[in-house]
Structures are given as C-alpha cells and as structure tokens.
C-alpha cells in the first residue's frame, strides 16, 4: 500500500506505507489515519520536525561511509534523509505558496 502526500504547490510525494507512516510520526500525525492534512499554520512546525529528523539520521550515519544521496546505506536500506528530502521540499513549497499538504485524499 502507498501513502501519497499531495499539495497544489508541488508534485506528489509517494511513499510505501511503512515509510509514509514513519514520516507521519515525524510530522506528529497519527500514523493510523488513512487521510489527513498539514494545515498552512502547521507547516513551519512540520518543516522543523522533518529537518531535525533528517539531521538526526545524517548524524546517526556519521561514523559510516560518507553520505551519498544516490546510494543505499551500508546495511542496504534507503536512509531517512534520502526519503525525507522530497517531503521537506513539498512542505517548504507549500508554505511558500500558502497551501496545505494532504494525504489519503
């Protein structure tokens, strides 16, 4: 199953369900909600949360091989910072254009 984040400000961010639920956790949203919204008023906090999660992920992998956005982590997984960057860009564009971000609608 997919979770798709949408905004009139940008293209969709399509995630696999486990990754999308992780992103909902970072956003402070209920991961079990099939649909929802990040309002324009909530966007600054959402952006800060995603940035912190990306920075934390980069720091967690700091002792490993250098970060290369085109490759997987040493254990074969795509890191959060790689999955989170498109969501961060969507949130930032949405804030710039004063439009909300939704999922599941």
PDB file of N, CA and C in Angstrom:
ATOM      1  N   UNK A   1       0.836  -1.168   0.000  1.00  0.00           N
ATOM      2  CA  UNK A   1       0.000   0.000   0.000  1.00  0.00           C
ATOM      3  C   UNK A   1       0.891   1.244   0.000  1.00  0.00           C
ATOM      4  N   UNK A   2       0.373   2.327  -0.546  1.00  0.00           N
ATOM      5  CA  UNK A   2       1.110   3.580  -0.647  1.00  0.00           C
ATOM      6  C   UNK A   2       0.477   4.667   0.208  1.00  0.00           C
ATOM      7  N   UNK A   3       1.294   5.590   0.652  1.00  0.00           N
ATOM      8  CA  UNK A   3       0.812   6.828   1.252  1.00  0.00           C
ATOM      9  C   UNK A   3       1.338   7.939   0.352  1.00  0.00           C
ATOM     10  N   UNK A   4       0.424   8.784  -0.112  1.00  0.00           N
ATOM     11  CA  UNK A   4       0.784   9.834  -1.054  1.00  0.00           C
ATOM     12  C   UNK A   4       0.522  11.189  -0.412  1.00  0.00           C
ATOM     13  N   UNK A   5       1.580  11.984  -0.304  1.00  0.00           N
ATOM     14  CA  UNK A   5       1.464  13.343   0.207  1.00  0.00           C
ATOM     15  C   UNK A   5       1.247  14.266  -0.983  1.00  0.00           C
ATOM     16  N   UNK A   6       0.221  15.127  -0.877  1.00  0.00           N
ATOM     17  CA  UNK A   6      -0.163  15.977  -2.005  1.00  0.00           C
ATOM     18  C   UNK A   6      -0.231  17.436  -1.593  1.00  0.00           C
ATOM     19  N   UNK A   7       0.072  18.286  -2.571  1.00  0.00           N
ATOM     20  CA  UNK A   7      -0.041  19.726  -2.380  1.00  0.00           C
ATOM     21  C   UNK A   7      -0.200  20.375  -3.740  1.00  0.00           C
ATOM     22  N   UNK A   8      -0.971  21.447  -3.783  1.00  0.00           N
ATOM     23  CA  UNK A   8      -1.127  22.198  -5.027  1.00  0.00           C
ATOM     24  C   UNK A   8       0.173  22.908  -5.397  1.00  0.00           C
ATOM     25  N   UNK A   9       1.123  22.981  -4.481  1.00  0.00           N
ATOM     26  CA  UNK A   9       2.370  23.699  -4.710  1.00  0.00           C
ATOM     27  C   UNK A   9       3.439  22.868  -5.407  1.00  0.00           C
ATOM     28  N   UNK A  10       3.251  21.550  -5.481  1.00  0.00           N
ATOM     29  CA  UNK A  10       4.310  20.695  -5.991  1.00  0.00           C
ATOM     30  C   UNK A  10       3.745  19.344  -6.413  1.00  0.00           C
ATOM     31  N   UNK A  11       4.600  18.527  -6.992  1.00  0.00           N
ATOM     32  CA  UNK A  11       4.201  17.174  -7.343  1.00  0.00           C
ATOM     33  C   UNK A  11       4.024  16.331  -6.091  1.00  0.00           C
ATOM     34  N   UNK A  12       3.374  15.203  -6.249  1.00  0.00           N
ATOM     35  CA  UNK A  12       3.112  14.302  -5.130  1.00  0.00           C
ATOM     36  C   UNK A  12       4.401  13.659  -4.631  1.00  0.00           C
ATOM     37  N   UNK A  13       4.422  13.339  -3.337  1.00  0.00           N
ATOM     38  CA  UNK A  13       5.482  12.530  -2.746  1.00  0.00           C
ATOM     39  C   UNK A  13       4.835  11.190  -2.422  1.00  0.00           C
ATOM     40  N   UNK A  14       5.269  10.164  -3.130  1.00  0.00           N
ATOM     41  CA  UNK A  14       4.687   8.834  -2.998  1.00  0.00           C
ATOM     42  C   UNK A  14       5.623   7.960  -2.180  1.00  0.00           C
ATOM     43  N   UNK A  15       5.080   7.348  -1.125  1.00  0.00           N
ATOM     44  CA  UNK A  15       5.887   6.505  -0.253  1.00  0.00           C
ATOM     45  C   UNK A  15       5.230   5.145  -0.072  1.00  0.00           C
ATOM     46  N   UNK A  16       6.042   4.153   0.215  1.00  0.00           N
ATOM     47  CA  UNK A  16       5.499   2.878   0.660  1.00  0.00           C
ATOM     48  C   UNK A  16       4.923   3.095   2.048  1.00  0.00           C
ATOM     49  N   UNK A  17       3.942   2.307   2.415  1.00  0.00           N
ATOM     50  CA  UNK A  17       3.239   2.515   3.674  1.00  0.00           C
ATOM     51  C   UNK A  17       4.158   2.600   4.900  1.00  0.00           C
ATOM     52  N   UNK A  18       5.118   1.687   5.076  1.00  0.00           N
ATOM     53  CA  UNK A  18       5.965   1.796   6.279  1.00  0.00           C
ATOM     54  C   UNK A  18       6.745   3.118   6.324  1.00  0.00           C
ATOM     55  N   UNK A  19       7.245   3.552   5.176  1.00  0.00           N
ATOM     56  CA  UNK A  19       7.991   4.812   5.125  1.00  0.00           C
ATOM     57  C   UNK A  19       7.066   6.002   5.326  1.00  0.00           C
ATOM     58  N   UNK A  20       5.884   5.946   4.754  1.00  0.00           N
ATOM     59  CA  UNK A  20       4.914   7.021   4.926  1.00  0.00           C
ATOM     60  C   UNK A  20       4.469   7.145   6.377  1.00  0.00           C
ATOM     61  N   UNK A  21       4.291   6.012   7.045  1.00  0.00           N
ATOM     62  CA  UNK A  21       3.899   6.043   8.460  1.00  0.00           C
ATOM     63  C   UNK A  21       5.023   6.624   9.314  1.00  0.00           C
ATOM     64  N   UNK A  22       6.262   6.320   8.964  1.00  0.00           N
ATOM     65  CA  UNK A  22       7.391   6.914   9.672  1.00  0.00           C
ATOM     66  C   UNK A  22       7.373   8.435   9.480  1.00  0.00           C
ATOM     67  N   UNK A  23       7.073   8.886   8.274  1.00  0.00           N
ATOM     68  CA  UNK A  23       7.003  10.321   8.017  1.00  0.00           C
ATOM     69  C   UNK A  23       5.851  10.969   8.780  1.00  0.00           C
ATOM     70  N   UNK A  24       4.724  10.269   8.872  1.00  0.00           N
ATOM     71  CA  UNK A  24       3.610  10.796   9.661  1.00  0.00           C
ATOM     72  C   UNK A  24       4.003  10.928  11.134  1.00  0.00           C
ATOM     73  N   UNK A  25       4.753   9.951  11.644  1.00  0.00           N
ATOM     74  CA  UNK A  25       5.252  10.039  13.024  1.00  0.00           C
ATOM     75  C   UNK A  25       6.107  11.291  13.199  1.00  0.00           C
ATOM     76  N   UNK A  26       7.019  11.516  12.267  1.00  0.00           N
ATOM     77  CA  UNK A  26       7.895  12.688  12.335  1.00  0.00           C
ATOM     78  C   UNK A  26       7.074  13.969  12.294  1.00  0.00           C
ATOM     79  N   UNK A  27       6.023  13.984  11.486  1.00  0.00           N
ATOM     80  CA  UNK A  27       5.165  15.163  11.372  1.00  0.00           C
ATOM     81  C   UNK A  27       4.277  15.368  12.595  1.00  0.00           C
ATOM     82  N   UNK A  28       4.239  14.381  13.486  1.00  0.00           N
ATOM     83  CA  UNK A  28       3.389  14.480  14.664  1.00  0.00           C
ATOM     84  C   UNK A  28       1.937  14.142  14.371  1.00  0.00           C
ATOM     85  N   UNK A  29       1.717  13.396  13.300  1.00  0.00           N
ATOM     86  CA  UNK A  29       0.368  12.987  12.905  1.00  0.00           C
ATOM     87  C   UNK A  29       0.148  11.526  13.288  1.00  0.00           C
ATOM     88  N   UNK A  30      -1.101  11.131  13.390  1.00  0.00           N
ATOM     89  CA  UNK A  30      -1.440   9.752  13.742  1.00  0.00           C
ATOM     90  C   UNK A  30      -1.159   8.845  12.552  1.00  0.00           C
ATOM     91  N   UNK A  31      -0.249   7.925  12.725  1.00  0.00           N
ATOM     92  CA  UNK A  31       0.142   7.032  11.634  1.00  0.00           C
ATOM     93  C   UNK A  31      -0.990   6.117  11.170  1.00  0.00           C
ATOM     94  N   UNK A  32      -2.030   5.984  11.978  1.00  0.00           N
ATOM     95  CA  UNK A  32      -3.141   5.115  11.605  1.00  0.00           C
ATOM     96  C   UNK A  32      -4.245   5.866  10.838  1.00  0.00           C
ATOM     97  N   UNK A  33      -4.150   7.185  10.766  1.00  0.00           N
ATOM     98  CA  UNK A  33      -5.140   7.950   9.997  1.00  0.00           C
ATOM     99  C   UNK A  33      -4.943   7.695   8.511  1.00  0.00           C
ATOM    100  N   UNK A  34      -5.977   7.219   7.850  1.00  0.00           N
ATOM    101  CA  UNK A  34      -5.893   6.928   6.421  1.00  0.00           C
ATOM    102  C   UNK A  34      -5.791   8.204   5.587  1.00  0.00           C
ATOM    103  N   UNK A  35      -6.234   9.303   6.155  1.00  0.00           N
ATOM    104  CA  UNK A  35      -6.127  10.574   5.453  1.00  0.00           C
ATOM    105  C   UNK A  35      -5.978  11.693   6.466  1.00  0.00           C
ATOM    106  N   UNK A  36      -5.417  12.795   6.005  1.00  0.00           N
ATOM    107  CA  UNK A  36      -5.223  13.906   6.915  1.00  0.00           C
ATOM    108  C   UNK A  36      -4.665  15.118   6.206  1.00  0.00           C
ATOM    109  N   UNK A  37      -4.342  16.118   7.016  1.00  0.00           N
ATOM    110  CA  UNK A  37      -3.880  17.393   6.479  1.00  0.00           C
ATOM    111  C   UNK A  37      -2.825  18.006   7.391  1.00  0.00           C
ATOM    112  N   UNK A  38      -1.861  18.657   6.760  1.00  0.00           N
ATOM    113  CA  UNK A  38      -0.940  19.543   7.454  1.00  0.00           C
ATOM    114  C   UNK A  38      -1.374  20.936   7.004  1.00  0.00           C
ATOM    115  N   UNK A  39      -1.997  21.667   7.902  1.00  0.00           N
ATOM    116  CA  UNK A  39      -2.519  22.976   7.541  1.00  0.00           C
ATOM    117  C   UNK A  39      -1.369  23.959   7.314  1.00  0.00           C
ATOM    118  N   UNK A  40      -1.685  25.075   6.690  1.00  0.00           N
ATOM    119  CA  UNK A  40      -0.673  26.104   6.462  1.00  0.00           C
ATOM    120  C   UNK A  40      -0.078  26.556   7.798  1.00  0.00           C
ATOM    121  N   UNK A  41      -0.917  26.686   8.820  1.00  0.00           N
ATOM    122  CA  UNK A  41      -0.430  27.091  10.141  1.00  0.00           C
ATOM    123  C   UNK A  41       0.512  26.051  10.755  1.00  0.00           C
ATOM    124  N   UNK A  42       0.344  24.773  10.404  1.00  0.00           N
ATOM    125  CA  UNK A  42       1.176  23.702  10.947  1.00  0.00           C
ATOM    126  C   UNK A  42       2.468  23.488  10.154  1.00  0.00           C
ATOM    127  N   UNK A  43       2.560  24.087   8.973  1.00  0.00           N
ATOM    128  CA  UNK A  43       3.716  23.835   8.110  1.00  0.00           C
ATOM    129  C   UNK A  43       5.061  24.221   8.726  1.00  0.00           C
ATOM    130  N   UNK A  44       5.213  25.378   9.380  1.00  0.00           N
ATOM    131  CA  UNK A  44       6.527  25.690   9.953  1.00  0.00           C
ATOM    132  C   UNK A  44       7.016  24.626  10.954  1.00  0.00           C
ATOM    133  N   UNK A  45       6.125  24.162  11.813  1.00  0.00           N
ATOM    134  CA  UNK A  45       6.495  23.113  12.759  1.00  0.00           C
ATOM    135  C   UNK A  45       6.814  21.809  12.032  1.00  0.00           C
ATOM    136  N   UNK A  46       6.029  21.461  11.032  1.00  0.00           N
ATOM    137  CA  UNK A  46       6.259  20.240  10.260  1.00  0.00           C
ATOM    138  C   UNK A  46       7.623  20.288   9.569  1.00  0.00           C
ATOM    139  N   UNK A  47       7.959  21.442   9.011  1.00  0.00           N
ATOM    140  CA  UNK A  47       9.255  21.607   8.350  1.00  0.00           C
ATOM    141  C   UNK A  47      10.379  21.434   9.364  1.00  0.00           C
ATOM    142  N   UNK A  48      10.242  22.044  10.519  1.00  0.00           N
ATOM    143  CA  UNK A  48      11.267  21.920  11.562  1.00  0.00           C
ATOM    144  C   UNK A  48      11.426  20.470  12.005  1.00  0.00           C
ATOM    145  N   UNK A  49      10.333  19.754  12.149  1.00  0.00           N
ATOM    146  CA  UNK A  49      10.378  18.357  12.578  1.00  0.00           C
ATOM    147  C   UNK A  49      11.105  17.490  11.549  1.00  0.00           C
ATOM    148  N   UNK A  50      10.773  17.692  10.265  1.00  0.00           N
ATOM    149  CA  UNK A  50      11.415  16.890   9.218  1.00  0.00           C
ATOM    150  C   UNK A  50      12.903  17.230   9.139  1.00  0.00           C
ATOM    151  N   UNK A  51      13.239  18.503   9.241  1.00  0.00           N
ATOM    152  CA  UNK A  51      14.664  18.896   9.230  1.00  0.00           C
ATOM    153  C   UNK A  51      15.425  18.228  10.380  1.00  0.00           C
ATOM    154  N   UNK A  52      14.842  18.244  11.579  1.00  0.00           N
ATOM    155  CA  UNK A  52      15.501  17.606  12.730  1.00  0.00           C
ATOM    156  C   UNK A  52      15.688  16.104  12.496  1.00  0.00           C
ATOM    157  N   UNK A  53      14.667  15.470  11.937  1.00  0.00           N
ATOM    158  CA  UNK A  53      14.762  14.029  11.677  1.00  0.00           C
ATOM    159  C   UNK A  53      15.838  13.735  10.634  1.00  0.00           C
ATOM    160  N   UNK A  54      15.927  14.563   9.616  1.00  0.00           N
ATOM    161  CA  UNK A  54      16.963  14.383   8.587  1.00  0.00           C
ATOM    162  C   UNK A  54      18.338  14.583   9.210  1.00  0.00           C
ATOM    163  N   UNK A  55      18.505  15.650   9.988  1.00  0.00           N
ATOM    164  CA  UNK A  55      19.789  15.916  10.639  1.00  0.00           C
ATOM    165  C   UNK A  55      20.166  14.784  11.593  1.00  0.00           C
ATOM    166  N   UNK A  56      19.185  14.264  12.317  1.00  0.00           N
ATOM    167  CA  UNK A  56      19.447  13.145  13.220  1.00  0.00           C
ATOM    168  C   UNK A  56      19.876  11.898  12.477  1.00  0.00           C
ATOM    169  N   UNK A  57      19.258  11.651  11.333  1.00  0.00           N
ATOM    170  CA  UNK A  57      19.609  10.486  10.531  1.00  0.00           C
ATOM    171  C   UNK A  57      21.020  10.635   9.968  1.00  0.00           C
ATOM    172  N   UNK A  58      21.342  11.814   9.482  1.00  0.00           N
ATOM    173  CA  UNK A  58      22.689  12.049   8.956  1.00  0.00           C
ATOM    174  C   UNK A  58      23.720  11.863  10.076  1.00  0.00           C
ATOM    175  N   UNK A  59      23.428  12.409  11.251  1.00  0.00           N
ATOM    176  CA  UNK A  59      24.345  12.270  12.390  1.00  0.00           C
ATOM    177  C   UNK A  59      24.497  10.806  12.801  1.00  0.00           C
ATOM    178  N   UNK A  60      23.419  10.045  12.751  1.00  0.00           N
ATOM    179  CA  UNK A  60      23.470   8.630  13.134  1.00  0.00           C
ATOM    180  C   UNK A  60      24.352   7.821  12.192  1.00  0.00           C
ATOM    181  N   UNK A  61      24.437   8.271  10.950  1.00  0.00           N
ATOM    182  CA  UNK A  61      25.256   7.565   9.964  1.00  0.00           C
ATOM    183  C   UNK A  61      26.628   8.213   9.793  1.00  0.00           C
ATOM    184  N   UNK A  62      26.973   9.164  10.655  1.00  0.00           N
ATOM    185  CA  UNK A  62      28.215   9.922  10.505  1.00  0.00           C
ATOM    186  C   UNK A  62      29.458   9.046  10.600  1.00  0.00           C
ATOM    187  N   UNK A  63      29.424   8.013  11.388  1.00  0.00           N
ATOM    188  CA  UNK A  63      30.581   7.138  11.538  1.00  0.00           C
ATOM    189  C   UNK A  63      30.708   6.119  10.431  1.00  0.00           C
ATOM    190  N   UNK A  64      29.734   6.080   9.560  1.00  0.00           N
ATOM    191  CA  UNK A  64      29.744   5.113   8.468  1.00  0.00           C
ATOM    192  C   UNK A  64      30.349   5.755   7.225  1.00  0.00           C
ATOM    193  N   UNK A  65      30.212   5.091   6.118  1.00  0.00           N
ATOM    194  CA  UNK A  65      30.722   5.616   4.854  1.00  0.00           C
ATOM    195  C   UNK A  65      30.097   6.981   4.578  1.00  0.00           C
ATOM    196  N   UNK A  66      30.773   7.840   3.849  1.00  0.00           N
ATOM    197  CA  UNK A  66      30.219   9.165   3.539  1.00  0.00           C
ATOM    198  C   UNK A  66      28.837   9.071   2.913  1.00  0.00           C
ATOM    199  N   UNK A  67      27.990  10.043   3.242  1.00  0.00           N
ATOM    200  CA  UNK A  67      26.628  10.067   2.734  1.00  0.00           C
ATOM    201  C   UNK A  67      26.650  10.398   1.248  1.00  0.00           C
ATOM    202  N   UNK A  68      26.007   9.569   0.478  1.00  0.00           N
ATOM    203  CA  UNK A  68      25.863   9.793  -0.960  1.00  0.00           C
ATOM    204  C   UNK A  68      24.384   9.611  -1.260  1.00  0.00           C
ATOM    205  N   UNK A  69      23.708  10.678  -1.666  1.00  0.00           N
ATOM    206  CA  UNK A  69      22.266  10.636  -1.863  1.00  0.00           C
ATOM    207  C   UNK A  69      21.827   9.669  -2.951  1.00  0.00           C
ATOM    208  N   UNK A  70      22.759   9.154  -3.729  1.00  0.00           N
ATOM    209  CA  UNK A  70      22.376   8.248  -4.811  1.00  0.00           C
ATOM    210  C   UNK A  70      22.515   6.790  -4.406  1.00  0.00           C
ATOM    211  N   UNK A  71      23.010   6.531  -3.192  1.00  0.00           N
ATOM    212  CA  UNK A  71      23.270   5.147  -2.788  1.00  0.00           C
ATOM    213  C   UNK A  71      22.547   4.787  -1.505  1.00  0.00           C
ATOM    214  N   UNK A  72      22.475   3.505  -1.272  1.00  0.00           N
ATOM    215  CA  UNK A  72      21.859   3.000  -0.050  1.00  0.00           C
ATOM    216  C   UNK A  72      22.860   3.056   1.093  1.00  0.00           C
ATOM    217  N   UNK A  73      22.342   2.934   2.316  1.00  0.00           N
ATOM    218  CA  UNK A  73      23.208   2.873   3.484  1.00  0.00           C
ATOM    219  C   UNK A  73      23.974   1.555   3.460  1.00  0.00           C
ATOM    220  N   UNK A  74      25.037   1.448   4.261  1.00  0.00           N
ATOM    221  CA  UNK A  74      25.821   0.198   4.260  1.00  0.00           C
ATOM    222  C   UNK A  74      24.995  -1.055   4.537  1.00  0.00           C
ATOM    223  N   UNK A  75      23.887  -0.933   5.296  1.00  0.00           N
ATOM    224  CA  UNK A  75      23.066  -2.116   5.573  1.00  0.00           C
ATOM    225  C   UNK A  75      22.034  -2.379   4.483  1.00  0.00           C
ATOM    226  N   UNK A  76      22.062  -1.584   3.402  1.00  0.00           N
ATOM    227  CA  UNK A  76      21.184  -1.837   2.269  1.00  0.00           C
ATOM    228  C   UNK A  76      19.885  -1.062   2.274  1.00  0.00           C
ATOM    229  N   UNK A  77      19.614  -0.320   3.342  1.00  0.00           N
ATOM    230  CA  UNK A  77      18.369   0.449   3.417  1.00  0.00           C
ATOM    231  C   UNK A  77      18.561   1.842   2.841  1.00  0.00           C
ATOM    232  N   UNK A  78      17.471   2.409   2.371  1.00  0.00           N
ATOM    233  CA  UNK A  78      17.480   3.813   1.998  1.00  0.00           C
ATOM    234  C   UNK A  78      17.302   4.589   3.297  1.00  0.00           C
ATOM    235  N   UNK A  79      18.161   5.550   3.551  1.00  0.00           N
ATOM    236  CA  UNK A  79      18.117   6.258   4.825  1.00  0.00           C
ATOM    237  C   UNK A  79      16.958   7.252   4.875  1.00  0.00           C
ATOM    238  N   UNK A  80      16.613   7.661   6.100  1.00  0.00           N
ATOM    239  CA  UNK A  80      15.515   8.607   6.254  1.00  0.00           C
ATOM    240  C   UNK A  80      15.805   9.914   5.542  1.00  0.00           C
ATOM    241  N   UNK A  81      17.042  10.365   5.600  1.00  0.00           N
ATOM    242  CA  UNK A  81      17.317  11.659   4.958  1.00  0.00           C
ATOM    243  C   UNK A  81      17.070  11.594   3.456  1.00  0.00           C
ATOM    244  N   UNK A  82      17.285  10.445   2.847  1.00  0.00           N
ATOM    245  CA  UNK A  82      17.010  10.305   1.412  1.00  0.00           C
ATOM    246  C   UNK A  82      15.501  10.297   1.137  1.00  0.00           C
ATOM    247  N   UNK A  83      14.740   9.655   2.004  1.00  0.00           N
ATOM    248  CA  UNK A  83      13.287   9.621   1.818  1.00  0.00           C
ATOM    249  C   UNK A  83      12.644  10.926   2.266  1.00  0.00           C
ATOM    250  N   UNK A  84      13.237  11.572   3.259  1.00  0.00           N
ATOM    251  CA  UNK A  84      12.648  12.770   3.835  1.00  0.00           C
ATOM    252  C   UNK A  84      12.845  14.036   3.014  1.00  0.00           C
ATOM    253  N   UNK A  85      13.897  14.104   2.215  1.00  0.00           N
ATOM    254  CA  UNK A  85      14.155  15.323   1.443  1.00  0.00           C
ATOM    255  C   UNK A  85      13.007  15.705   0.509  1.00  0.00           C
ATOM    256  N   UNK A  86      12.414  14.773  -0.239  1.00  0.00           N
ATOM    257  CA  UNK A  86      11.284  15.164  -1.082  1.00  0.00           C
ATOM    258  C   UNK A  86      10.096  15.702  -0.275  1.00  0.00           C
ATOM    259  N   UNK A  87       9.848  15.110   0.897  1.00  0.00           N
ATOM    260  CA  UNK A  87       8.766  15.605   1.749  1.00  0.00           C
ATOM    261  C   UNK A  87       9.099  17.001   2.255  1.00  0.00           C
ATOM    262  N   UNK A  88      10.340  17.220   2.658  1.00  0.00           N
ATOM    263  CA  UNK A  88      10.755  18.538   3.124  1.00  0.00           C
ATOM    264  C   UNK A  88      10.554  19.581   2.023  1.00  0.00           C
ATOM    265  N   UNK A  89      10.933  19.257   0.810  1.00  0.00           N
ATOM    266  CA  UNK A  89      10.753  20.183  -0.303  1.00  0.00           C
ATOM    267  C   UNK A  89       9.270  20.476  -0.547  1.00  0.00           C
ATOM    268  N   UNK A  90       8.437  19.449  -0.457  1.00  0.00           N
ATOM    269  CA  UNK A  90       6.989  19.628  -0.630  1.00  0.00           C
ATOM    270  C   UNK A  90       6.437  20.559   0.446  1.00  0.00           C
ATOM    271  N   UNK A  91       6.850  20.349   1.687  1.00  0.00           N
ATOM    272  CA  UNK A  91       6.382  21.199   2.785  1.00  0.00           C
ATOM    273  C   UNK A  91       6.834  22.644   2.598  1.00  0.00           C
ATOM    274  N   UNK A  92       8.088  22.833   2.213  1.00  0.00           N
ATOM    275  CA  UNK A  92       8.616  24.187   2.020  1.00  0.00           C
ATOM    276  C   UNK A  92       7.909  24.911   0.876  1.00  0.00           C
ATOM    277  N   UNK A  93       7.688  24.228  -0.212  1.00  0.00           N
ATOM    278  CA  UNK A  93       6.969  24.842  -1.343  1.00  0.00           C
ATOM    279  C   UNK A  93       5.528  25.169  -0.957  1.00  0.00           C
ATOM    280  N   UNK A  94       4.933  24.291  -0.184  1.00  0.00           N
ATOM    281  CA  UNK A  94       3.556  24.526   0.257  1.00  0.00           C
ATOM    282  C   UNK A  94       3.477  25.759   1.145  1.00  0.00           C
ATOM    283  N   UNK A  95       4.437  25.911   2.038  1.00  0.00           N
ATOM    284  CA  UNK A  95       4.467  27.089   2.895  1.00  0.00           C
ATOM    285  C   UNK A  95       4.667  28.353   2.062  1.00  0.00           C
ATOM    286  N   UNK A  96       5.565  28.292   1.095  1.00  0.00           N
ATOM    287  CA  UNK A  96       5.829  29.455   0.244  1.00  0.00           C
ATOM    288  C   UNK A  96       4.584  29.883  -0.534  1.00  0.00           C
ATOM    289  N   UNK A  97       3.751  28.912  -0.882  1.00  0.00           N
ATOM    290  CA  UNK A  97       2.540  29.211  -1.655  1.00  0.00           C
ATOM    291  C   UNK A  97       1.274  29.244  -0.792  1.00  0.00           C
ATOM    292  N   UNK A  98       1.449  29.083   0.520  1.00  0.00           N
ATOM    293  CA  UNK A  98       0.308  29.146   1.448  1.00  0.00           C
ATOM    294  C   UNK A  98      -0.779  28.128   1.144  1.00  0.00           C
ATOM    295  N   UNK A  99      -0.366  26.901   0.895  1.00  0.00           N
ATOM    296  CA  UNK A  99      -1.330  25.832   0.646  1.00  0.00           C
ATOM    297  C   UNK A  99      -1.029  24.648   1.568  1.00  0.00           C
ATOM    298  N   UNK A 100      -2.049  23.904   1.983  1.00  0.00           N
ATOM    299  CA  UNK A 100      -1.821  22.755   2.875  1.00  0.00           C
ATOM    300  C   UNK A 100      -1.260  21.547   2.140  1.00  0.00           C
ATOM    301  N   UNK A 101      -0.831  20.575   2.923  1.00  0.00           N
ATOM    302  CA  UNK A 101      -0.398  19.282   2.409  1.00  0.00           C
ATOM    303  C   UNK A 101      -1.383  18.247   2.942  1.00  0.00           C
ATOM    304  N   UNK A 102      -1.823  17.360   2.085  1.00  0.00           N
ATOM    305  CA  UNK A 102      -2.766  16.310   2.494  1.00  0.00           C
ATOM    306  C   UNK A 102      -2.194  14.940   2.158  1.00  0.00           C
ATOM    307  N   UNK A 103      -2.789  13.926   2.742  1.00  0.00           N
ATOM    308  CA  UNK A 103      -2.502  12.540   2.344  1.00  0.00           C
ATOM    309  C   UNK A 103      -3.803  11.763   2.424  1.00  0.00           C
ATOM    310  N   UNK A 104      -3.888  10.747   1.581  1.00  0.00           N
ATOM    311  CA  UNK A 104      -5.032   9.848   1.600  1.00  0.00           C
ATOM    312  C   UNK A 104      -6.312  10.415   1.029  1.00  0.00           C
ATOM    313  N   UNK A 105      -6.250  11.549   0.364  1.00  0.00           N
ATOM    314  CA  UNK A 105      -7.461  12.147  -0.232  1.00  0.00           C
ATOM    315  C   UNK A 105      -7.305  12.256  -1.732  1.00  0.00           C
TER     316      UNK A 105
END
